[in-house]
C-alpha atoms as a PDB file:
ATOM      1  CA  MET A   1      95.477  97.934  80.538  1.00  0.00           C
ATOM      2  CA  LYS A   2      97.399  98.928  83.643  1.00  0.00           C
ATOM      3  CA  ARG A   3      97.205 102.605  84.479  1.00  0.00           C
ATOM      4  CA  VAL A   4     100.369 104.691  84.819  1.00  0.00           C
ATOM      5  CA  VAL A   5     100.806 106.867  87.912  1.00  0.00           C
ATOM      6  CA  LEU A   6     103.491 109.353  88.959  1.00  0.00           C
ATOM      7  CA  VAL A   7     103.930 109.714  92.744  1.00  0.00           C
ATOM      8  CA  THR A   8     106.188 112.449  94.118  1.00  0.00           C
ATOM      9  CA  GLY A   9     107.902 112.280  97.484  1.00  0.00           C
ATOM     10  CA  ALA A  10     108.025 108.504  97.099  1.00  0.00           C
ATOM     11  CA  SER A  11     111.229 107.820  99.006  1.00  0.00           C
ATOM     12  CA  SER A  12     109.507 107.865 102.400  1.00  0.00           C
ATOM     13  CA  GLY A  13     106.336 108.510 104.360  1.00  0.00           C
ATOM     14  CA  ILE A  14     103.035 109.059 102.603  1.00  0.00           C
ATOM     15  CA  GLY A  15     104.505 109.039  99.098  1.00  0.00           C
ATOM     16  CA  ARG A  16     106.266 105.731  99.665  1.00  0.00           C
ATOM     17  CA  ALA A  17     103.130 104.128 101.124  1.00  0.00           C
ATOM     18  CA  VAL A  18     101.037 105.351  98.179  1.00  0.00           C
ATOM     19  CA  ALA A  19     103.574 104.167  95.596  1.00  0.00           C
ATOM     20  CA  VAL A  20     103.822 100.701  97.167  1.00  0.00           C
ATOM     21  CA  LEU A  21     100.065 100.184  97.524  1.00  0.00           C
ATOM     22  CA  LEU A  22      99.334 101.285  93.956  1.00  0.00           C
ATOM     23  CA  ALA A  23     102.104  99.095  92.560  1.00  0.00           C
ATOM     24  CA  ARG A  24     100.629  96.128  94.408  1.00  0.00           C
ATOM     25  CA  ASN A  25      97.205  96.872  92.935  1.00  0.00           C
ATOM     26  CA  GLU A  26      97.995  96.667  89.240  1.00  0.00           C
ATOM     27  CA  PHE A  27      99.173 100.208  88.606  1.00  0.00           C
ATOM     28  CA  ILE A  28     102.445 101.031  86.875  1.00  0.00           C
ATOM     29  CA  VAL A  29     104.033 103.449  89.310  1.00  0.00           C
ATOM     30  CA  TYR A  30     106.888 105.907  88.948  1.00  0.00           C
ATOM     31  CA  GLY A  31     108.018 106.857  92.435  1.00  0.00           C
ATOM     32  CA  ALA A  32     109.855 110.162  92.187  1.00  0.00           C
ATOM     33  CA  SER A  33     112.088 111.756  94.801  1.00  0.00           C
ATOM     34  CA  ARG A  34     115.281 113.781  95.011  1.00  0.00           C
ATOM     35  CA  SER A  35     117.214 110.699  96.086  1.00  0.00           C
ATOM     36  CA  GLY A  36     115.670 108.404  93.501  1.00  0.00           C
ATOM     37  CA  LYS A  37     115.381 105.753  96.206  1.00  0.00           C
ATOM     38  CA  GLY A  38     112.296 103.935  97.402  1.00  0.00           C
ATOM     39  CA  ALA A  39     110.684 100.582  98.024  1.00  0.00           C
ATOM     40  CA  GLU A  40     111.629  97.661  95.803  1.00  0.00           C
ATOM     41  CA  VAL A  41     108.289  96.397  94.492  1.00  0.00           C
ATOM     42  CA  ASP A  42     107.213  94.972  91.144  1.00  0.00           C
ATOM     43  CA  SER A  43     105.595  97.603  88.884  1.00  0.00           C
ATOM     44  CA  LEU A  44     107.312 100.394  90.859  1.00  0.00           C
ATOM     45  CA  THR A  45     110.125 102.331  89.212  1.00  0.00           C
ATOM     46  CA  ASN A  46     112.067 104.622  91.534  1.00  0.00           C
ATOM     47  CA  ILE A  47     113.285 107.692  89.714  1.00  0.00           C
ATOM     48  CA  THR A  48     115.207 110.857  90.577  1.00  0.00           C
ATOM     49  CA  MET A  49     113.219 114.076  90.282  1.00  0.00           C
ATOM     50  CA  ASP A  50     113.401 117.478  91.979  1.00  0.00           C
ATOM     51  CA  VAL A  51     109.930 119.048  91.902  1.00  0.00           C
ATOM     52  CA  THR A  52     111.413 122.532  92.315  1.00  0.00           C
ATOM     53  CA  LYS A  53     113.227 122.289  88.974  1.00  0.00           C
ATOM     54  CA  VAL A  54     111.091 122.340  85.824  1.00  0.00           C
ATOM     55  CA  GLU A  55     113.751 120.612  83.736  1.00  0.00           C
ATOM     56  CA  SER A  56     113.865 117.710  86.213  1.00  0.00           C
ATOM     57  CA  VAL A  57     110.081 117.302  86.072  1.00  0.00           C
ATOM     58  CA  THR A  58     109.916 117.486  82.273  1.00  0.00           C
ATOM     59  CA  SER A  59     112.712 114.923  81.967  1.00  0.00           C
ATOM     60  CA  VAL A  60     110.759 112.365  83.988  1.00  0.00           C
ATOM     61  CA  LEU A  61     107.530 113.038  82.109  1.00  0.00           C
ATOM     62  CA  LYS A  62     109.346 112.688  78.787  1.00  0.00           C
ATOM     63  CA  LEU A  63     110.575 109.279  79.930  1.00  0.00           C
ATOM     64  CA  ILE A  64     107.038 108.231  80.881  1.00  0.00           C
ATOM     65  CA  GLU A  65     105.728 109.436  77.535  1.00  0.00           C
ATOM     66  CA  GLU A  66     108.413 107.495  75.650  1.00  0.00           C
ATOM     67  CA  ARG A  67     107.632 104.318  77.546  1.00  0.00           C
ATOM     68  CA  HIS A  68     103.844 104.498  77.781  1.00  0.00           C
ATOM     69  CA  GLY A  69     102.549 107.391  75.665  1.00  0.00           C
ATOM     70  CA  VAL A  70     100.116 108.343  78.412  1.00  0.00           C
ATOM     71  CA  LEU A  71      99.818 109.196  82.099  1.00  0.00           C
ATOM     72  CA  HIS A  72      96.680 108.389  84.060  1.00  0.00           C
ATOM     73  CA  ALA A  73      97.337 110.015  87.413  1.00  0.00           C
ATOM     74  CA  VAL A  74      99.657 112.223  89.438  1.00  0.00           C
ATOM     75  CA  VAL A  75      99.898 112.083  93.220  1.00  0.00           C
ATOM     76  CA  ASN A  76     101.684 115.125  94.615  1.00  0.00           C
ATOM     77  CA  SER A  77     103.053 114.033  97.976  1.00  0.00           C
ATOM     78  CA  ALA A  78     106.422 115.803  98.043  1.00  0.00           C
ATOM     79  CA  GLY A  79     106.583 118.565 100.617  1.00  0.00           C
ATOM     80  CA  LEU A  80     108.460 120.175 103.470  1.00  0.00           C
ATOM     81  CA  GLY A  81     107.430 121.095 106.995  1.00  0.00           C
ATOM     82  CA  MET A  82     108.736 124.120 108.853  1.00  0.00           C
ATOM     83  CA  LEU A  83     108.533 125.118 112.505  1.00  0.00           C
ATOM     84  CA  GLY A  84     108.920 128.683 113.671  1.00  0.00           C
ATOM     85  CA  SER A  85     106.998 131.847 114.401  1.00  0.00           C
ATOM     86  CA  ILE A  86     105.996 134.034 111.492  1.00  0.00           C
ATOM     87  CA  GLU A  87     107.966 136.858 113.086  1.00  0.00           C
ATOM     88  CA  ASP A  88     111.163 134.773 113.044  1.00  0.00           C
ATOM     89  CA  SER A  89     110.701 133.434 109.490  1.00  0.00           C
ATOM     90  CA  SER A  90     113.029 135.002 106.949  1.00  0.00           C
ATOM     91  CA  ALA A  91     112.118 135.767 103.352  1.00  0.00           C
ATOM     92  CA  ILE A  92     114.630 133.152 102.180  1.00  0.00           C
ATOM     93  CA  GLU A  93     113.054 130.467 104.383  1.00  0.00           C
ATOM     94  CA  ILE A  94     109.551 131.352 103.228  1.00  0.00           C
ATOM     95  CA  GLU A  95     110.578 131.255  99.571  1.00  0.00           C
ATOM     96  CA  MET A  96     112.294 127.883 100.081  1.00  0.00           C
ATOM     97  CA  LEU A  97     109.168 126.344 101.589  1.00  0.00           C
ATOM     98  CA  PHE A  98     106.851 127.737  98.918  1.00  0.00           C
ATOM     99  CA  GLN A  99     109.256 126.623  96.195  1.00  0.00           C
ATOM    100  CA  THR A 100     108.661 123.011  97.216  1.00  0.00           C
ATOM    101  CA  ASN A 101     105.146 123.003  98.642  1.00  0.00           C
ATOM    102  CA  LEU A 102     103.454 125.217  96.051  1.00  0.00           C
ATOM    103  CA  MET A 103     105.720 125.632  93.040  1.00  0.00           C
ATOM    104  CA  GLY A 104     106.692 121.950  93.144  1.00  0.00           C
ATOM    105  CA  VAL A 105     103.016 121.027  92.882  1.00  0.00           C
ATOM    106  CA  HIS A 106     102.561 123.565  90.110  1.00  0.00           C
ATOM    107  CA  HIS A 107     105.494 122.267  88.059  1.00  0.00           C
ATOM    108  CA  VAL A 108     104.273 118.672  88.234  1.00  0.00           C
ATOM    109  CA  CYS A 109     100.632 119.536  87.511  1.00  0.00           C
ATOM    110  CA  ILE A 110     101.267 121.805  84.538  1.00  0.00           C
ATOM    111  CA  GLN A 111     103.915 119.636  82.932  1.00  0.00           C
ATOM    112  CA  SER A 112     101.648 116.573  83.305  1.00  0.00           C
ATOM    113  CA  LEU A 113      98.491 117.999  81.776  1.00  0.00           C
ATOM    114  CA  ASP A 114      99.052 117.007  78.153  1.00  0.00           C
ATOM    115  CA  LEU A 115      99.835 113.402  79.089  1.00  0.00           C
ATOM    116  CA  LEU A 116      96.861 113.279  81.455  1.00  0.00           C
ATOM    117  CA  ARG A 117      94.564 114.558  78.707  1.00  0.00           C
ATOM    118  CA  LYS A 118      95.617 111.632  76.529  1.00  0.00           C
ATOM    119  CA  SER A 119      94.250 109.208  79.114  1.00  0.00           C
ATOM    120  CA  GLY A 120      90.719 110.560  78.653  1.00  0.00           C
ATOM    121  CA  ARG A 121      90.211 110.302  82.424  1.00  0.00           C
ATOM    122  CA  GLY A 122      93.154 111.727  84.318  1.00  0.00           C
ATOM    123  CA  TYR A 123      93.569 112.325  88.047  1.00  0.00           C
ATOM    124  CA  ILE A 124      95.593 114.903  89.945  1.00  0.00           C
ATOM    125  CA  ILE A 125      95.682 114.151  93.667  1.00  0.00           C
ATOM    126  CA  ASN A 126      97.293 116.871  95.768  1.00  0.00           C
ATOM    127  CA  ILE A 127      98.046 115.879  99.343  1.00  0.00           C
ATOM    128  CA  THR A 128      97.884 118.885 101.637  1.00  0.00           C
ATOM    129  CA  SER A 129      97.237 118.799 105.378  1.00  0.00           C
ATOM    130  CA  MET A 130      94.801 119.618 108.124  1.00  0.00           C
ATOM    131  CA  ALA A 131      96.988 122.723 108.316  1.00  0.00           C
ATOM    132  CA  ALA A 132      95.540 123.719 104.935  1.00  0.00           C
ATOM    133  CA  GLN A 133      92.251 124.510 106.657  1.00  0.00           C
ATOM    134  CA  MET A 134      93.274 126.268 109.867  1.00  0.00           C
ATOM    135  CA  GLY A 135      96.177 128.370 111.056  1.00  0.00           C
ATOM    136  CA  LEU A 136      98.371 126.592 113.592  1.00  0.00           C
ATOM    137  CA  PRO A 137     100.807 128.486 115.831  1.00  0.00           C
ATOM    138  CA  TYR A 138     104.489 128.255 114.959  1.00  0.00           C
ATOM    139  CA  ARG A 139     103.612 126.592 111.674  1.00  0.00           C
ATOM    140  CA  GLY A 140     102.213 129.657 109.965  1.00  0.00           C
ATOM    141  CA  ILE A 141     104.398 129.548 106.864  1.00  0.00           C
ATOM    142  CA  TYR A 142     103.747 125.831 106.424  1.00  0.00           C
ATOM    143  CA  CYS A 143     100.007 126.494 106.817  1.00  0.00           C
ATOM    144  CA  ALA A 144     100.185 129.314 104.283  1.00  0.00           C
ATOM    145  CA  SER A 145     101.864 127.055 101.718  1.00  0.00           C
ATOM    146  CA  LYS A 146      99.187 124.399 102.165  1.00  0.00           C
ATOM    147  CA  PHE A 147      96.372 126.974 102.068  1.00  0.00           C
ATOM    148  CA  ALA A 148      97.862 128.082  98.744  1.00  0.00           C
ATOM    149  CA  VAL A 149      97.754 124.547  97.330  1.00  0.00           C
ATOM    150  CA  GLU A 150      94.073 124.305  98.289  1.00  0.00           C
ATOM    151  CA  GLY A 151      93.119 127.447  96.383  1.00  0.00           C
ATOM    152  CA  TYR A 152      95.369 126.432  93.502  1.00  0.00           C
ATOM    153  CA  SER A 153      93.757 122.981  93.297  1.00  0.00           C
ATOM    154  CA  GLU A 154      90.181 124.256  93.494  1.00  0.00           C
ATOM    155  CA  THR A 155      90.847 126.604  90.587  1.00  0.00           C
ATOM    156  CA  LEU A 156      92.751 124.027  88.540  1.00  0.00           C
ATOM    157  CA  SER A 157      89.865 121.594  89.016  1.00  0.00           C
ATOM    158  CA  GLN A 158      87.487 124.076  87.389  1.00  0.00           C
ATOM    159  CA  GLU A 159      89.848 124.808  84.520  1.00  0.00           C
ATOM    160  CA  VAL A 160      90.618 121.208  83.489  1.00  0.00           C
ATOM    161  CA  ALA A 161      87.282 119.537  84.217  1.00  0.00           C
ATOM    162  CA  GLY A 162      86.363 119.868  80.554  1.00  0.00           C
ATOM    163  CA  ASP A 163      89.385 117.720  79.676  1.00  0.00           C
ATOM    164  CA  GLY A 164      88.144 114.877  81.869  1.00  0.00           C
ATOM    165  CA  ILE A 165      90.815 115.527  84.500  1.00  0.00           C
ATOM    166  CA  ARG A 166      89.700 115.191  88.099  1.00  0.00           C
ATOM    167  CA  VAL A 167      91.601 117.255  90.662  1.00  0.00           C
ATOM    168  CA  VAL A 168      91.322 115.949  94.211  1.00  0.00           C
ATOM    169  CA  LEU A 169      92.575 117.274  97.545  1.00  0.00           C
ATOM    170  CA  VAL A 170      93.515 114.919 100.378  1.00  0.00           C
ATOM    171  CA  GLU A 171      93.852 116.604 103.771  1.00  0.00           C
ATOM    172  CA  PRO A 172      95.458 114.322 106.362  1.00  0.00           C
ATOM    173  CA  GLY A 173      95.727 114.985 110.051  1.00  0.00           C
ATOM    174  CA  ASP A 174      98.888 113.856 111.817  1.00  0.00           C
ATOM    175  CA  VAL A 175     100.603 110.998 109.989  1.00  0.00           C
ATOM    176  CA  LYS A 176     103.442 109.004 111.507  1.00  0.00           C
ATOM    177  CA  THR A 177     106.243 109.686 109.026  1.00  0.00           C
ATOM    178  CA  SER A 178     109.831 110.932 109.089  1.00  0.00           C
ATOM    179  CA  ILE A 179     108.662 114.557 108.980  1.00  0.00           C
ATOM    180  CA  ASN A 180     109.933 115.088 112.544  1.00  0.00           C
ATOM    181  CA  ILE A 181     113.439 114.298 111.298  1.00  0.00           C
ATOM    182  CA  ASN A 182     113.162 116.226 108.038  1.00  0.00           C
ATOM    183  CA  ARG A 183     111.180 119.241 109.256  1.00  0.00           C
ATOM    184  CA  LYS A 184     112.906 122.584 108.737  1.00  0.00           C
ATOM    185  CA  GLU A 185     113.149 125.073 111.592  1.00  0.00           C
ATOM    186  CA  VAL A 186     113.734 128.790 111.353  1.00  0.00           C
ATOM    187  CA  MET A 187     117.419 129.603 111.611  1.00  0.00           C
ATOM    188  CA  THR A 188     117.033 132.536 113.980  1.00  0.00           C
ATOM    189  CA  ILE A 189     114.773 132.269 117.022  1.00  0.00           C
ATOM    190  CA  SER A 190     114.143 135.504 118.891  1.00  0.00           C
ATOM    191  CA  ASP A 191     114.089 135.699 122.682  1.00  0.00           C
ATOM    192  CA  ARG A 192     110.393 136.535 122.468  1.00  0.00           C
ATOM    193  CA  HIS A 193     109.602 133.122 120.941  1.00  0.00           C
ATOM    194  CA  ALA A 194     112.434 130.883 122.183  1.00  0.00           C
ATOM    195  CA  PHE A 195     110.630 129.158 125.070  1.00  0.00           C
ATOM    196  CA  ARG A 196     107.449 128.553 123.074  1.00  0.00           C
ATOM    197  CA  HIS A 197     109.414 127.308 120.078  1.00  0.00           C
ATOM    198  CA  ALA A 198     110.962 124.473 122.101  1.00  0.00           C
ATOM    199  CA  ASP A 199     107.639 123.510 123.692  1.00  0.00           C
ATOM    200  CA  MET A 200     105.931 123.602 120.313  1.00  0.00           C
ATOM    201  CA  ARG A 201     108.577 121.354 118.766  1.00  0.00           C
ATOM    202  CA  ASP A 202     108.020 118.776 121.506  1.00  0.00           C
ATOM    203  CA  GLN A 203     104.227 118.868 121.143  1.00  0.00           C
ATOM    204  CA  VAL A 204     104.240 118.698 117.334  1.00  0.00           C
ATOM    205  CA  ASN A 205     106.735 115.811 117.369  1.00  0.00           C
ATOM    206  CA  ARG A 206     104.613 113.940 119.901  1.00  0.00           C
ATOM    207  CA  GLU A 207     101.432 114.401 117.856  1.00  0.00           C
ATOM    208  CA  VAL A 208     103.162 113.151 114.699  1.00  0.00           C
ATOM    209  CA  ASN A 209     104.533 110.099 116.529  1.00  0.00           C
ATOM    210  CA  GLU A 210     100.994 109.303 117.658  1.00  0.00           C
ATOM    211  CA  GLY A 211      99.513 109.878 114.206  1.00  0.00           C
ATOM    212  CA  MET A 212      97.922 107.457 111.792  1.00  0.00           C
ATOM    213  CA  ALA A 213      99.990 105.114 109.662  1.00  0.00           C
ATOM    214  CA  PRO A 214     100.718 106.416 106.133  1.00  0.00           C
ATOM    215  CA  GLU A 215      99.167 103.206 104.766  1.00  0.00           C
ATOM    216  CA  GLU A 216      95.762 104.495 105.910  1.00  0.00           C
ATOM    217  CA  LEU A 217      96.164 107.496 103.659  1.00  0.00           C
ATOM    218  CA  ALA A 218      97.420 105.314 100.820  1.00  0.00           C
ATOM    219  CA  ARG A 219      94.185 103.316 100.929  1.00  0.00           C
ATOM    220  CA  VAL A 220      92.223 106.546 100.486  1.00  0.00           C
ATOM    221  CA  VAL A 221      94.296 107.434  97.409  1.00  0.00           C
ATOM    222  CA  LEU A 222      93.693 103.967  95.966  1.00  0.00           C
ATOM    223  CA  GLY A 223      89.951 104.420  96.498  1.00  0.00           C
ATOM    224  CA  ILE A 224      90.031 107.778  94.712  1.00  0.00           C
ATOM    225  CA  LEU A 225      91.762 106.289  91.677  1.00  0.00           C
ATOM    226  CA  ARG A 226      89.145 103.548  91.556  1.00  0.00           C
ATOM    227  CA  SER A 227      86.287 106.043  91.619  1.00  0.00           C
ATOM    228  CA  ASP A 228      84.735 107.471  88.474  1.00  0.00           C
ATOM    229  CA  LYS A 229      83.407 110.452  90.427  1.00  0.00           C
ATOM    230  CA  PRO A 230      85.765 111.291  93.284  1.00  0.00           C
ATOM    231  CA  LYS A 231      84.955 114.129  95.635  1.00  0.00           C
ATOM    232  CA  LEU A 232      86.980 117.321  95.472  1.00  0.00           C
ATOM    233  CA  ARG A 233      88.159 116.975  99.072  1.00  0.00           C
ATOM    234  CA  TYR A 234      88.921 114.038 101.373  1.00  0.00           C
ATOM    235  CA  ARG A 235      89.700 114.659 105.039  1.00  0.00           C
ATOM    236  CA  VAL A 236      91.585 111.772 106.573  1.00  0.00           C
ATOM    237  CA  ALA A 237      92.217 112.139 110.281  1.00  0.00           C
ATOM    238  CA  ARG A 238      91.800 110.654 113.718  1.00  0.00           C
ATOM    239  CA  PRO A 239      88.571 111.522 115.632  1.00  0.00           C
ATOM    240  CA  GLN A 240      90.107 114.464 117.539  1.00  0.00           C
ATOM    241  CA  ALA A 241      91.271 116.121 114.336  1.00  0.00           C
ATOM    242  CA  ARG A 242      87.914 115.455 112.672  1.00  0.00           C
ATOM    243  CA  LEU A 243      86.265 117.168 115.631  1.00  0.00           C
ATOM    244  CA  ALA A 244      88.492 120.190 115.067  1.00  0.00           C
ATOM    245  CA  TYR A 245      87.297 120.398 111.448  1.00  0.00           C
ATOM    246  CA  TYR A 246      83.707 120.283 112.655  1.00  0.00           C
ATOM    247  CA  LEU A 247      84.168 122.863 115.411  1.00  0.00           C
ATOM    248  CA  MET A 248      85.957 125.218 113.046  1.00  0.00           C
ATOM    249  CA  ARG A 249      82.740 125.495 111.040  1.00  0.00           C
ATOM    250  CA  LEU A 250      80.404 125.472 114.002  1.00  0.00           C
ATOM    251  CA  LEU A 251      82.021 127.934 116.425  1.00  0.00           C
ATOM    252  CA  PRO A 252      82.527 131.683 116.054  1.00  0.00           C
ATOM    253  CA  ASP A 253      86.013 132.329 114.662  1.00  0.00           C
ATOM    254  CA  ARG A 254      87.434 133.845 117.847  1.00  0.00           C
ATOM    255  CA  TRP A 255      86.128 130.960 119.969  1.00  0.00           C
ATOM    256  CA  PHE A 256      87.817 128.472 117.696  1.00  0.00           C
ATOM    257  CA  GLU A 257      90.998 130.545 117.732  1.00  0.00           C
ATOM    258  CA  LYS A 258      91.051 130.438 121.530  1.00  0.00           C
ATOM    259  CA  MET A 259      90.480 126.682 121.449  1.00  0.00           C
ATOM    260  CA  ILE A 260      93.537 126.220 119.215  1.00  0.00           C
ATOM    261  CA  MET A 261      95.625 128.473 121.426  1.00  0.00           C
ATOM    262  CA  ARG A 262      94.566 126.573 124.514  1.00  0.00           C
ATOM    263  CA  HIS A 263      95.463 123.285 122.851  1.00  0.00           C
ATOM    264  CA  TYR A 264      98.971 124.569 122.172  1.00  0.00           C
ATOM    265  CA  LYS A 265      99.226 126.249 125.592  1.00  0.00           C
ATOM    266  CA  ILE A 266      99.565 129.771 124.270  1.00  0.00           C
END
């Protein structure tokens, strides 16, 4: 029997790559996004869903239940990036980012649990970021939202393990997606941070443009869904980013902090 998977953020980038690869490997895939648009592939149904609205999430899950009676996996890929100093970030901007990056994940996870339990072996794959492990300048609110998803996922994993549900974190480094186009920026930039903000935008955009293809990450997700005993955490990154992970654990905290600051010319 083909397994049924819900992929969020499936209109572009990582979510689209995951949805396409799974659909081509004998999964029945529902690719959810605000636009409801996505790749046209057999076994892939593009569907409109706003992860920030509970009623939108429950509507899609009700449809899946009516059609299949079960859900085998959820891949939470929907998310927003934001550039700006913490000092310049408004409460409204912070709430907006957390509403998508944390509460969106929460809505999809919680509303999916009963259907996942019916599968007897469900998967929740939450895609975070390298920024979920280390603070990065001028992306502090984004980092905070991804840190939150890590703690959330670790706890959820413990709480649903008895139901046969495996919660997995995937932490990519830079991935070449449309995030440079869609990334939010703080509305008000103070004189204190204006010159660094522009330089940081250029550097972050360049690193994303040089990042790995989203298909590389999709292959990792496919491998997780084929594994009976997936790890809790998968770090998927180019060698330089992998080195950063290693040094973060090896070096004294302040040394590593200085290394990050030097990298971003602060």
